[in-house]
Amino acid sequence: AEQRFSIDMECFLAIVRVFFPERATELEEVQRAFAAEFDYTKEAARQREATAHCSALEGVAVPEPVDHLHPASRPSSGGKVRRPNGLCTKDVLVMERLTGKSLATWSGEIADMLSFEEGTTKEQFLS
């Protein structure tokens, strides 16, 4: 998939550079952003950053990636490293499993509550 995407983007960029050169820079940025999505080690780093940013928020949990920095990758009591590189690779992203409400469920409940307080429907409140 990554290789096909890269070929498709290069062909598309070639056309844009000829017929719409003023848009080439924007499309090149999109290409770079999508290329990063094909490497889950980079996604794990972003996930770890999000986990750190949200750590001080009471009641909010962001799953930690099971990468080389995860506790499971550290030496056990016997001194052996169980998973020295973690479980995240370029092709696989593994995160801790969390229990509780998803962000989608929680935000829906908040929208219900706020719209009720405003005396409107959730749809009207969100529009």
C-alpha atoms as a PDB file:
ATOM      1  CA  ALA A   1       0.000   0.000   0.000  1.00  0.00           C
ATOM      2  CA  GLU A   2       2.787   2.409   0.880  1.00  0.00           C
ATOM      3  CA  GLN A   3       4.589   1.871  -2.412  1.00  0.00           C
ATOM      4  CA  ARG A   4       1.394   2.273  -4.462  1.00  0.00           C
ATOM      5  CA  PHE A   5       0.489   5.413  -2.572  1.00  0.00           C
ATOM      6  CA  SER A   6       3.949   6.841  -3.196  1.00  0.00           C
ATOM      7  CA  ILE A   7       3.738   6.137  -6.930  1.00  0.00           C
ATOM      8  CA  ASP A   8       0.219   7.589  -7.162  1.00  0.00           C
ATOM      9  CA  MET A   9       1.250  10.743  -5.300  1.00  0.00           C
ATOM     10  CA  GLU A  10       4.320  11.246  -7.474  1.00  0.00           C
ATOM     11  CA  CYS A  11       2.202  10.967 -10.630  1.00  0.00           C
ATOM     12  CA  PHE A  12      -0.407  13.319  -9.228  1.00  0.00           C
ATOM     13  CA  LEU A  13       2.282  15.787  -8.126  1.00  0.00           C
ATOM     14  CA  ALA A  14       3.830  15.758 -11.602  1.00  0.00           C
ATOM     15  CA  ILE A  15       0.483  16.786 -13.094  1.00  0.00           C
ATOM     16  CA  VAL A  16      -0.094  19.440 -10.437  1.00  0.00           C
ATOM     17  CA  ARG A  17       3.383  20.919 -10.963  1.00  0.00           C
ATOM     18  CA  VAL A  18       2.623  21.353 -14.680  1.00  0.00           C
ATOM     19  CA  PHE A  19      -1.003  22.521 -14.588  1.00  0.00           C
ATOM     20  CA  PHE A  20      -1.397  23.988 -11.070  1.00  0.00           C
ATOM     21  CA  PRO A  21       2.108  24.930  -9.869  1.00  0.00           C
ATOM     22  CA  GLU A  22       0.687  27.277  -7.226  1.00  0.00           C
ATOM     23  CA  ARG A  23      -0.798  24.221  -5.450  1.00  0.00           C
ATOM     24  CA  ALA A  24       2.295  21.997  -5.575  1.00  0.00           C
ATOM     25  CA  THR A  25       3.652  23.068  -2.176  1.00  0.00           C
ATOM     26  CA  GLU A  26       0.367  22.239  -0.463  1.00  0.00           C
ATOM     27  CA  LEU A  27       0.197  18.825  -2.077  1.00  0.00           C
ATOM     28  CA  GLU A  28       3.815  18.082  -1.159  1.00  0.00           C
ATOM     29  CA  GLU A  29       2.908  18.780   2.478  1.00  0.00           C
ATOM     30  CA  VAL A  30      -0.025  16.362   2.210  1.00  0.00           C
ATOM     31  CA  GLN A  31       2.341  13.779   0.724  1.00  0.00           C
ATOM     32  CA  ARG A  32       4.767  14.171   3.660  1.00  0.00           C
ATOM     33  CA  ALA A  33       1.946  13.911   6.192  1.00  0.00           C
ATOM     34  CA  PHE A  34       0.566  10.743   4.610  1.00  0.00           C
ATOM     35  CA  ALA A  35       4.045   9.213   4.323  1.00  0.00           C
ATOM     36  CA  ALA A  36       4.440   9.540   8.097  1.00  0.00           C
ATOM     37  CA  GLU A  37       1.183   7.622   8.559  1.00  0.00           C
ATOM     38  CA  PHE A  38       2.784   4.537   7.004  1.00  0.00           C
ATOM     39  CA  ASP A  39       5.396   4.322   9.773  1.00  0.00           C
ATOM     40  CA  TYR A  40       3.836   3.211  13.051  1.00  0.00           C
ATOM     41  CA  THR A  41       7.044   3.854  15.010  1.00  0.00           C
ATOM     42  CA  LYS A  42       6.430   7.562  14.328  1.00  0.00           C
ATOM     43  CA  GLU A  43       2.783   7.146  15.294  1.00  0.00           C
ATOM     44  CA  ALA A  44       3.918   5.475  18.549  1.00  0.00           C
ATOM     45  CA  ALA A  45       6.112   8.508  19.297  1.00  0.00           C
ATOM     46  CA  ARG A  46       3.155  10.846  18.714  1.00  0.00           C
ATOM     47  CA  GLN A  47       0.985   8.611  20.911  1.00  0.00           C
ATOM     48  CA  ARG A  48       3.586   8.757  23.686  1.00  0.00           C
ATOM     49  CA  GLU A  49       3.641  12.554  23.377  1.00  0.00           C
ATOM     50  CA  ALA A  50      -0.172  12.689  23.647  1.00  0.00           C
ATOM     51  CA  THR A  51       0.005  10.436  26.706  1.00  0.00           C
ATOM     52  CA  ALA A  52       2.475  12.810  28.348  1.00  0.00           C
ATOM     53  CA  HIS A  53       0.405  15.904  27.512  1.00  0.00           C
ATOM     54  CA  CYS A  54      -2.760  14.386  28.988  1.00  0.00           C
ATOM     55  CA  SER A  55      -1.172  12.844  32.083  1.00  0.00           C
ATOM     56  CA  ALA A  56      -2.096  15.809  34.293  1.00  0.00           C
ATOM     57  CA  LEU A  57      -5.755  15.807  33.221  1.00  0.00           C
ATOM     58  CA  GLU A  58      -7.877  14.225  35.917  1.00  0.00           C
ATOM     59  CA  GLY A  59     -10.049  11.395  34.638  1.00  0.00           C
ATOM     60  CA  VAL A  60      -8.396  11.327  31.201  1.00  0.00           C
ATOM     61  CA  ALA A  61      -6.292   8.392  30.085  1.00  0.00           C
ATOM     62  CA  VAL A  62      -4.464   7.983  26.798  1.00  0.00           C
ATOM     63  CA  PRO A  63      -3.117   4.516  26.015  1.00  0.00           C
ATOM     64  CA  GLU A  64       0.640   4.222  26.126  1.00  0.00           C
ATOM     65  CA  PRO A  65       2.292   2.603  23.107  1.00  0.00           C
ATOM     66  CA  VAL A  66       4.105  -0.653  23.847  1.00  0.00           C
ATOM     67  CA  ASP A  67       7.332   0.657  22.330  1.00  0.00           C
ATOM     68  CA  HIS A  68      10.962   0.593  23.517  1.00  0.00           C
ATOM     69  CA  LEU A  69      10.091   3.031  26.344  1.00  0.00           C
ATOM     70  CA  HIS A  70       7.218   0.965  27.730  1.00  0.00           C
ATOM     71  CA  PRO A  71       7.756  -0.755  31.113  1.00  0.00           C
ATOM     72  CA  ALA A  72       7.416  -4.162  29.417  1.00  0.00           C
ATOM     73  CA  SER A  73      10.585  -3.311  27.475  1.00  0.00           C
ATOM     74  CA  ARG A  74      12.627  -2.722  30.636  1.00  0.00           C
ATOM     75  CA  PRO A  75      14.638  -5.408  32.422  1.00  0.00           C
ATOM     76  CA  SER A  76      12.637  -7.765  34.600  1.00  0.00           C
ATOM     77  CA  SER A  77      13.675  -8.660  38.150  1.00  0.00           C
ATOM     78  CA  GLY A  78      16.022 -11.294  36.709  1.00  0.00           C
ATOM     79  CA  GLY A  79      17.847  -8.611  34.718  1.00  0.00           C
ATOM     80  CA  LYS A  80      16.538  -9.767  31.338  1.00  0.00           C
ATOM     81  CA  VAL A  81      14.890  -7.362  28.975  1.00  0.00           C
ATOM     82  CA  ARG A  82      11.581  -8.917  28.032  1.00  0.00           C
ATOM     83  CA  ARG A  83      10.986  -6.911  24.841  1.00  0.00           C
ATOM     84  CA  PRO A  84      13.976  -4.641  24.162  1.00  0.00           C
ATOM     85  CA  ASN A  85      12.350  -2.912  21.182  1.00  0.00           C
ATOM     86  CA  GLY A  86       8.774  -3.132  22.402  1.00  0.00           C
ATOM     87  CA  LEU A  87       6.008  -4.418  20.178  1.00  0.00           C
ATOM     88  CA  CYS A  88       5.695  -1.390  17.878  1.00  0.00           C
ATOM     89  CA  THR A  89       7.294  -1.672  14.478  1.00  0.00           C
ATOM     90  CA  LYS A  90       7.031   0.240  11.219  1.00  0.00           C
ATOM     91  CA  ASP A  91       4.037  -1.938  10.313  1.00  0.00           C
ATOM     92  CA  VAL A  92       2.412  -2.555  13.725  1.00  0.00           C
ATOM     93  CA  LEU A  93       1.215  -0.185  16.461  1.00  0.00           C
ATOM     94  CA  VAL A  94       0.436  -1.797  19.831  1.00  0.00           C
ATOM     95  CA  MET A  95      -1.071   0.234  22.662  1.00  0.00           C
ATOM     96  CA  GLU A  96      -2.223  -0.540  26.155  1.00  0.00           C
ATOM     97  CA  ARG A  97      -5.835  -1.532  26.492  1.00  0.00           C
ATOM     98  CA  LEU A  98      -7.878   0.927  28.505  1.00  0.00           C
ATOM     99  CA  THR A  99     -11.260   0.495  30.090  1.00  0.00           C
ATOM    100  CA  GLY A 100     -13.845   3.192  30.583  1.00  0.00           C
ATOM    101  CA  LYS A 101     -15.705   5.555  28.309  1.00  0.00           C
ATOM    102  CA  SER A 102     -14.375   6.399  24.903  1.00  0.00           C
ATOM    103  CA  LEU A 103     -13.843  10.033  23.991  1.00  0.00           C
ATOM    104  CA  ALA A 104     -16.755   9.767  21.536  1.00  0.00           C
ATOM    105  CA  THR A 105     -19.142   8.494  24.233  1.00  0.00           C
ATOM    106  CA  TRP A 106     -17.982  11.027  26.806  1.00  0.00           C
ATOM    107  CA  SER A 107     -18.227  13.995  24.412  1.00  0.00           C
ATOM    108  CA  GLY A 108     -21.726  12.887  23.367  1.00  0.00           C
ATOM    109  CA  GLU A 109     -22.802  12.842  27.000  1.00  0.00           C
ATOM    110  CA  ILE A 110     -21.326  16.303  27.578  1.00  0.00           C
ATOM    111  CA  ALA A 111     -23.109  17.618  24.471  1.00  0.00           C
ATOM    112  CA  ASP A 112     -26.386  16.115  25.750  1.00  0.00           C
ATOM    113  CA  MET A 113     -25.910  17.794  29.128  1.00  0.00           C
ATOM    114  CA  LEU A 114     -24.954  21.200  27.723  1.00  0.00           C
ATOM    115  CA  SER A 115     -27.754  21.206  25.155  1.00  0.00           C
ATOM    116  CA  PHE A 116     -30.260  20.321  27.896  1.00  0.00           C
ATOM    117  CA  GLU A 117     -28.969  23.239  29.987  1.00  0.00           C
ATOM    118  CA  GLU A 118     -29.365  25.537  26.971  1.00  0.00           C
ATOM    119  CA  GLY A 119     -32.881  24.221  26.328  1.00  0.00           C
ATOM    120  CA  THR A 120     -32.068  23.009  22.833  1.00  0.00           C
ATOM    121  CA  THR A 121     -31.424  19.760  21.045  1.00  0.00           C
ATOM    122  CA  LYS A 122     -27.942  18.315  20.813  1.00  0.00           C
ATOM    123  CA  GLU A 123     -28.006  18.761  17.032  1.00  0.00           C
ATOM    124  CA  GLN A 124     -28.872  22.462  17.376  1.00  0.00           C
ATOM    125  CA  PHE A 125     -26.298  22.916  20.126  1.00  0.00           C
ATOM    126  CA  LEU A 126     -23.531  21.370  17.992  1.00  0.00           C
ATOM    127  CA  SER A 127     -24.349  23.319  14.823  1.00  0.00           C
END
